[in-house]
C-alpha atoms as a PDB file:
ATOM      1  CA  MET A   1       4.117 -14.942 -16.268  1.00  0.00           C
ATOM      2  CA  ARG A   2       4.561 -16.381 -12.788  1.00  0.00           C
ATOM      3  CA  ARG A   3       3.283 -13.767 -10.347  1.00  0.00           C
ATOM      4  CA  ALA A   4       3.206 -14.067  -6.566  1.00  0.00           C
ATOM      5  CA  ILE A   5       1.934 -11.846  -3.841  1.00  0.00           C
ATOM      6  CA  PHE A   6       3.860 -11.451  -0.619  1.00  0.00           C
ATOM      7  CA  PRO A   7       1.212 -10.246   1.846  1.00  0.00           C
ATOM      8  CA  GLY A   8       1.830  -8.687   5.219  1.00  0.00           C
ATOM      9  CA  THR A   9       1.602  -5.584   7.331  1.00  0.00           C
ATOM     10  CA  PHE A  10       5.291  -4.707   6.838  1.00  0.00           C
ATOM     11  CA  ASP A  11       5.302  -2.349   9.798  1.00  0.00           C
ATOM     12  CA  PRO A  12       8.196  -1.895   9.190  1.00  0.00           C
ATOM     13  CA  PHE A  13       9.689  -3.859   6.281  1.00  0.00           C
ATOM     14  CA  THR A  14      12.605  -5.842   7.735  1.00  0.00           C
ATOM     15  CA  ILE A  15      15.656  -7.706   6.480  1.00  0.00           C
ATOM     16  CA  GLY A  16      13.585 -10.865   6.871  1.00  0.00           C
ATOM     17  CA  HIS A  17      10.994  -9.532   4.441  1.00  0.00           C
ATOM     18  CA  TYR A  18      13.766  -8.421   2.099  1.00  0.00           C
ATOM     19  CA  SER A  19      15.217 -11.941   2.155  1.00  0.00           C
ATOM     20  CA  VAL A  20      11.857 -13.499   1.239  1.00  0.00           C
ATOM     21  CA  VAL A  21      11.371 -11.081  -1.670  1.00  0.00           C
ATOM     22  CA  THR A  22      14.918 -11.619  -2.964  1.00  0.00           C
ATOM     23  CA  ARG A  23      14.592 -15.394  -2.808  1.00  0.00           C
ATOM     24  CA  THR A  24      11.139 -15.303  -4.424  1.00  0.00           C
ATOM     25  CA  LEU A  25      12.522 -13.402  -7.419  1.00  0.00           C
ATOM     26  CA  THR A  26      14.698 -16.438  -8.200  1.00  0.00           C
ATOM     27  CA  PHE A  27      11.617 -18.452  -9.214  1.00  0.00           C
ATOM     28  CA  MET A  28       8.905 -15.858  -9.946  1.00  0.00           C
ATOM     29  CA  ASP A  29       8.689 -13.328 -12.763  1.00  0.00           C
ATOM     30  CA  GLU A  30       6.984 -10.730 -10.591  1.00  0.00           C
ATOM     31  CA  VAL A  31       6.391 -10.194  -6.880  1.00  0.00           C
ATOM     32  CA  ILE A  32       3.662  -7.936  -5.570  1.00  0.00           C
ATOM     33  CA  ILE A  33       4.270  -6.848  -2.009  1.00  0.00           C
ATOM     34  CA  GLY A  34       0.728  -6.541  -0.696  1.00  0.00           C
ATOM     35  CA  ILE A  35       0.350  -4.392   2.382  1.00  0.00           C
ATOM     36  CA  GLY A  36      -2.796  -5.531   4.111  1.00  0.00           C
ATOM     37  CA  ILE A  37      -4.880  -2.932   5.879  1.00  0.00           C
ATOM     38  CA  ASN A  38      -6.207  -4.347   9.126  1.00  0.00           C
ATOM     39  CA  GLU A  39      -8.277  -1.905  11.176  1.00  0.00           C
ATOM     40  CA  ASN A  40      -7.849  -4.077  14.291  1.00  0.00           C
ATOM     41  CA  LYS A  41      -4.065  -4.064  14.239  1.00  0.00           C
ATOM     42  CA  ASN A  42      -1.911  -1.492  16.011  1.00  0.00           C
ATOM     43  CA  THR A  43       0.502   0.014  13.517  1.00  0.00           C
ATOM     44  CA  TYR A  44       3.522   2.232  13.979  1.00  0.00           C
ATOM     45  CA  PHE A  45       3.733   3.666  10.461  1.00  0.00           C
ATOM     46  CA  PRO A  46       0.612   4.807   8.600  1.00  0.00           C
ATOM     47  CA  ILE A  47      -0.169   2.833   5.431  1.00  0.00           C
ATOM     48  CA  GLU A  48       0.905   5.716   3.173  1.00  0.00           C
ATOM     49  CA  LYS A  49       4.350   5.783   4.774  1.00  0.00           C
ATOM     50  CA  ARG A  50       4.805   2.006   4.467  1.00  0.00           C
ATOM     51  CA  LEU A  51       3.855   2.162   0.787  1.00  0.00           C
ATOM     52  CA  GLU A  52       6.256   5.053   0.230  1.00  0.00           C
ATOM     53  CA  MET A  53       9.194   3.425   2.056  1.00  0.00           C
ATOM     54  CA  ILE A  54       8.930   0.084   0.255  1.00  0.00           C
ATOM     55  CA  ARG A  55       8.225   1.603  -3.183  1.00  0.00           C
ATOM     56  CA  LYS A  56      11.196   3.922  -2.828  1.00  0.00           C
ATOM     57  CA  PHE A  57      13.425   1.036  -1.761  1.00  0.00           C
ATOM     58  CA  TYR A  58      12.449  -1.064  -4.803  1.00  0.00           C
ATOM     59  CA  LYS A  59      12.167   1.825  -7.290  1.00  0.00           C
ATOM     60  CA  ASP A  60      14.834   0.299  -9.563  1.00  0.00           C
ATOM     61  CA  GLU A  61      13.390  -3.232  -9.545  1.00  0.00           C
ATOM     62  CA  PRO A  62      10.727  -3.496 -12.288  1.00  0.00           C
ATOM     63  CA  ARG A  63       9.711  -7.001 -11.205  1.00  0.00           C
ATOM     64  CA  ILE A  64       8.378  -5.723  -7.867  1.00  0.00           C
ATOM     65  CA  ARG A  65       5.165  -3.801  -7.268  1.00  0.00           C
ATOM     66  CA  VAL A  66       3.914  -2.542  -3.920  1.00  0.00           C
ATOM     67  CA  GLU A  67       0.187  -2.172  -3.313  1.00  0.00           C
ATOM     68  CA  ALA A  68      -2.184  -1.846  -0.366  1.00  0.00           C
ATOM     69  CA  TYR A  69      -5.344  -3.902  -0.017  1.00  0.00           C
ATOM     70  CA  ASP A  70      -8.255  -4.142   2.407  1.00  0.00           C
ATOM     71  CA  CYS A  71      -9.897  -7.417   1.407  1.00  0.00           C
ATOM     72  CA  LEU A  72      -9.138 -11.104   1.865  1.00  0.00           C
ATOM     73  CA  THR A  73      -5.672 -11.988   0.610  1.00  0.00           C
ATOM     74  CA  ILE A  74      -7.123 -14.461  -1.904  1.00  0.00           C
ATOM     75  CA  ASP A  75      -9.355 -11.716  -3.307  1.00  0.00           C
ATOM     76  CA  PHE A  76      -6.334  -9.430  -3.629  1.00  0.00           C
ATOM     77  CA  ALA A  77      -4.456 -12.251  -5.398  1.00  0.00           C
ATOM     78  CA  ARG A  78      -7.311 -12.527  -7.899  1.00  0.00           C
ATOM     79  CA  GLN A  79      -7.394  -8.735  -8.418  1.00  0.00           C
ATOM     80  CA  VAL A  80      -3.706  -8.671  -9.385  1.00  0.00           C
ATOM     81  CA  ASP A  81      -3.825 -11.998 -11.261  1.00  0.00           C
ATOM     82  CA  ALA A  82      -1.325 -13.718  -8.940  1.00  0.00           C
ATOM     83  CA  GLN A  83      -1.116 -17.496  -9.032  1.00  0.00           C
ATOM     84  CA  PHE A  84       0.828 -17.862  -5.789  1.00  0.00           C
ATOM     85  CA  ILE A  85       1.072 -16.502  -2.267  1.00  0.00           C
ATOM     86  CA  VAL A  86       4.538 -16.450  -0.711  1.00  0.00           C
ATOM     87  CA  ARG A  87       5.038 -16.457   3.045  1.00  0.00           C
ATOM     88  CA  GLY A  88       8.106 -16.526   5.262  1.00  0.00           C
ATOM     89  CA  ILE A  89       8.319 -18.992   8.139  1.00  0.00           C
ATOM     90  CA  ARG A  90      10.478 -18.305  11.210  1.00  0.00           C
ATOM     91  CA  THR A  91       9.166 -20.820  13.735  1.00  0.00           C
ATOM     92  CA  VAL A  92       7.103 -23.970  14.132  1.00  0.00           C
ATOM     93  CA  LYS A  93       4.272 -21.759  15.383  1.00  0.00           C
ATOM     94  CA  ASP A  94       4.450 -19.749  12.123  1.00  0.00           C
ATOM     95  CA  PHE A  95       4.394 -22.996  10.145  1.00  0.00           C
ATOM     96  CA  GLU A  96       1.283 -24.324  11.871  1.00  0.00           C
ATOM     97  CA  TYR A  97      -0.585 -21.055  11.357  1.00  0.00           C
ATOM     98  CA  GLU A  98       0.501 -20.647   7.719  1.00  0.00           C
ATOM     99  CA  GLU A  99      -0.304 -24.275   6.882  1.00  0.00           C
ATOM    100  CA  THR A 100      -3.903 -23.786   8.019  1.00  0.00           C
ATOM    101  CA  ILE A 101      -4.282 -20.541   6.057  1.00  0.00           C
ATOM    102  CA  ALA A 102      -2.688 -22.133   2.971  1.00  0.00           C
ATOM    103  CA  ASP A 103      -5.146 -25.038   3.135  1.00  0.00           C
ATOM    104  CA  ILE A 104      -8.113 -22.658   3.367  1.00  0.00           C
ATOM    105  CA  ASN A 105      -6.801 -20.472   0.521  1.00  0.00           C
ATOM    106  CA  ARG A 106      -6.358 -23.530  -1.702  1.00  0.00           C
ATOM    107  CA  LYS A 107      -9.896 -24.760  -0.919  1.00  0.00           C
ATOM    108  CA  LEU A 108     -11.537 -21.344  -1.414  1.00  0.00           C
ATOM    109  CA  ALA A 109      -9.586 -20.041  -4.396  1.00  0.00           C
ATOM    110  CA  GLY A 110      -7.337 -22.777  -5.734  1.00  0.00           C
ATOM    111  CA  ILE A 111      -4.312 -20.597  -5.051  1.00  0.00           C
ATOM    112  CA  GLU A 112      -1.110 -22.249  -3.875  1.00  0.00           C
ATOM    113  CA  THR A 113       1.011 -20.926  -1.026  1.00  0.00           C
ATOM    114  CA  ILE A 114       4.771 -21.233  -1.114  1.00  0.00           C
ATOM    115  CA  LEU A 115       6.419 -21.241   2.316  1.00  0.00           C
ATOM    116  CA  LEU A 116      10.022 -20.077   2.523  1.00  0.00           C
ATOM    117  CA  PHE A 117      11.897 -20.903   5.677  1.00  0.00           C
ATOM    118  CA  THR A 118      13.788 -17.988   7.152  1.00  0.00           C
ATOM    119  CA  GLU A 119      17.530 -18.047   7.008  1.00  0.00           C
ATOM    120  CA  PRO A 120      18.799 -19.078  10.472  1.00  0.00           C
ATOM    121  CA  GLU A 121      20.469 -15.745  11.219  1.00  0.00           C
ATOM    122  CA  LEU A 122      17.166 -13.918  10.611  1.00  0.00           C
ATOM    123  CA  THR A 123      14.808 -15.978  12.775  1.00  0.00           C
ATOM    124  CA  CYS A 124      14.979 -13.439  15.611  1.00  0.00           C
ATOM    125  CA  VAL A 125      13.935 -10.528  13.372  1.00  0.00           C
ATOM    126  CA  SER A 126      10.274  -9.529  13.472  1.00  0.00           C
ATOM    127  CA  SER A 127       8.397  -6.322  12.786  1.00  0.00           C
ATOM    128  CA  THR A 128       6.968  -6.514  16.314  1.00  0.00           C
ATOM    129  CA  ILE A 129      10.440  -6.413  17.880  1.00  0.00           C
ATOM    130  CA  VAL A 130      11.574  -3.653  15.513  1.00  0.00           C
ATOM    131  CA  ARG A 131       8.490  -1.560  16.395  1.00  0.00           C
ATOM    132  CA  GLU A 132       9.257  -1.995  20.081  1.00  0.00           C
ATOM    133  CA  LEU A 133      12.839  -0.859  19.530  1.00  0.00           C
ATOM    134  CA  LEU A 134      11.565   2.162  17.585  1.00  0.00           C
ATOM    135  CA  GLY A 135       9.274   3.017  20.474  1.00  0.00           C
ATOM    136  CA  TYR A 136      12.346   3.250  22.723  1.00  0.00           C
ATOM    137  CA  ASN A 137      14.327   5.257  20.148  1.00  0.00           C
ATOM    138  CA  LYS A 138      16.830   2.442  19.559  1.00  0.00           C
ATOM    139  CA  ASP A 139      18.887   2.036  16.405  1.00  0.00           C
ATOM    140  CA  ILE A 140      17.140  -0.476  14.148  1.00  0.00           C
ATOM    141  CA  SER A 141      19.473  -0.188  11.148  1.00  0.00           C
ATOM    142  CA  MET A 142      20.677  -3.785  11.530  1.00  0.00           C
ATOM    143  CA  PHE A 143      17.083  -5.034  11.174  1.00  0.00           C
ATOM    144  CA  ILE A 144      15.976  -3.167   8.034  1.00  0.00           C
ATOM    145  CA  PRO A 145      17.423  -3.511   4.532  1.00  0.00           C
ATOM    146  CA  GLU A 146      20.490  -1.402   3.846  1.00  0.00           C
ATOM    147  CA  GLY A 147      19.400   1.682   1.944  1.00  0.00           C
ATOM    148  CA  MET A 148      15.841   1.738   3.257  1.00  0.00           C
ATOM    149  CA  SER A 149      15.019   5.062   4.850  1.00  0.00           C
ATOM    150  CA  LEU A 150      12.473   5.407   7.627  1.00  0.00           C
ATOM    151  CA  CYS A 151      10.817   8.657   8.455  1.00  0.00           C
ATOM    152  CA  PRO A 152      11.943  10.319  11.675  1.00  0.00           C
ATOM    153  CA  ASN A 153      10.246   8.694  14.660  1.00  0.00           C
ATOM    154  CA  PRO A 154       6.525   9.016  13.988  1.00  0.00           C
ATOM    155  CA  SER A 155       4.072   8.628  16.801  1.00  0.00           C
ATOM    156  CA  PRO A 156       2.480   5.211  16.864  1.00  0.00           C
ATOM    157  CA  VAL A 157      -0.756   5.337  14.915  1.00  0.00           C
ATOM    158  CA  GLY A 158      -2.651   3.176  17.378  1.00  0.00           C
ATOM    159  CA  LYS A 159      -5.680   1.100  16.456  1.00  0.00           C
ATOM    160  CA  GLY A 160      -6.057   0.635  12.731  1.00  0.00           C
ATOM    161  CA  GLU A 161      -4.825   3.144  10.202  1.00  0.00           C
ATOM    162  CA  LYS A 162      -6.453   6.315  11.497  1.00  0.00           C
ATOM    163  CA  GLU A 163      -4.204   9.144  12.577  1.00  0.00           C
END
């Protein structure tokens, strides 16, 4: 069983994330979308809502699980018995950051990271931009997977996950 985790905040889950998951399923038996809880990060959707939205979207795909975690990504990988971490790369800056993290993860845990380069038409899509558009009540439907439903405009959660 080849199992990978795809870690991130997914606030919200975008068409870029969807692309990475879809492409990963072509060479992995199972993908666990791991929603990291980071108390220092401003989030728009509370963790429960992100879990609900992504689980509902993938409800008919048995090879995908969605879980939250609040530890190091390598520790989460061990908890779910994943042999790989998958990450999407949009820019050179992303590559440099992810390369460093991948090297550390390999040294600490022996886990390999697979970097998937974003499809050219998706390089401009980021959760940060989508959150900003949401904050101004703009239509974000072109930036999230078709069929994914978002709750009606929540208030930004602010620091961490506390409401």
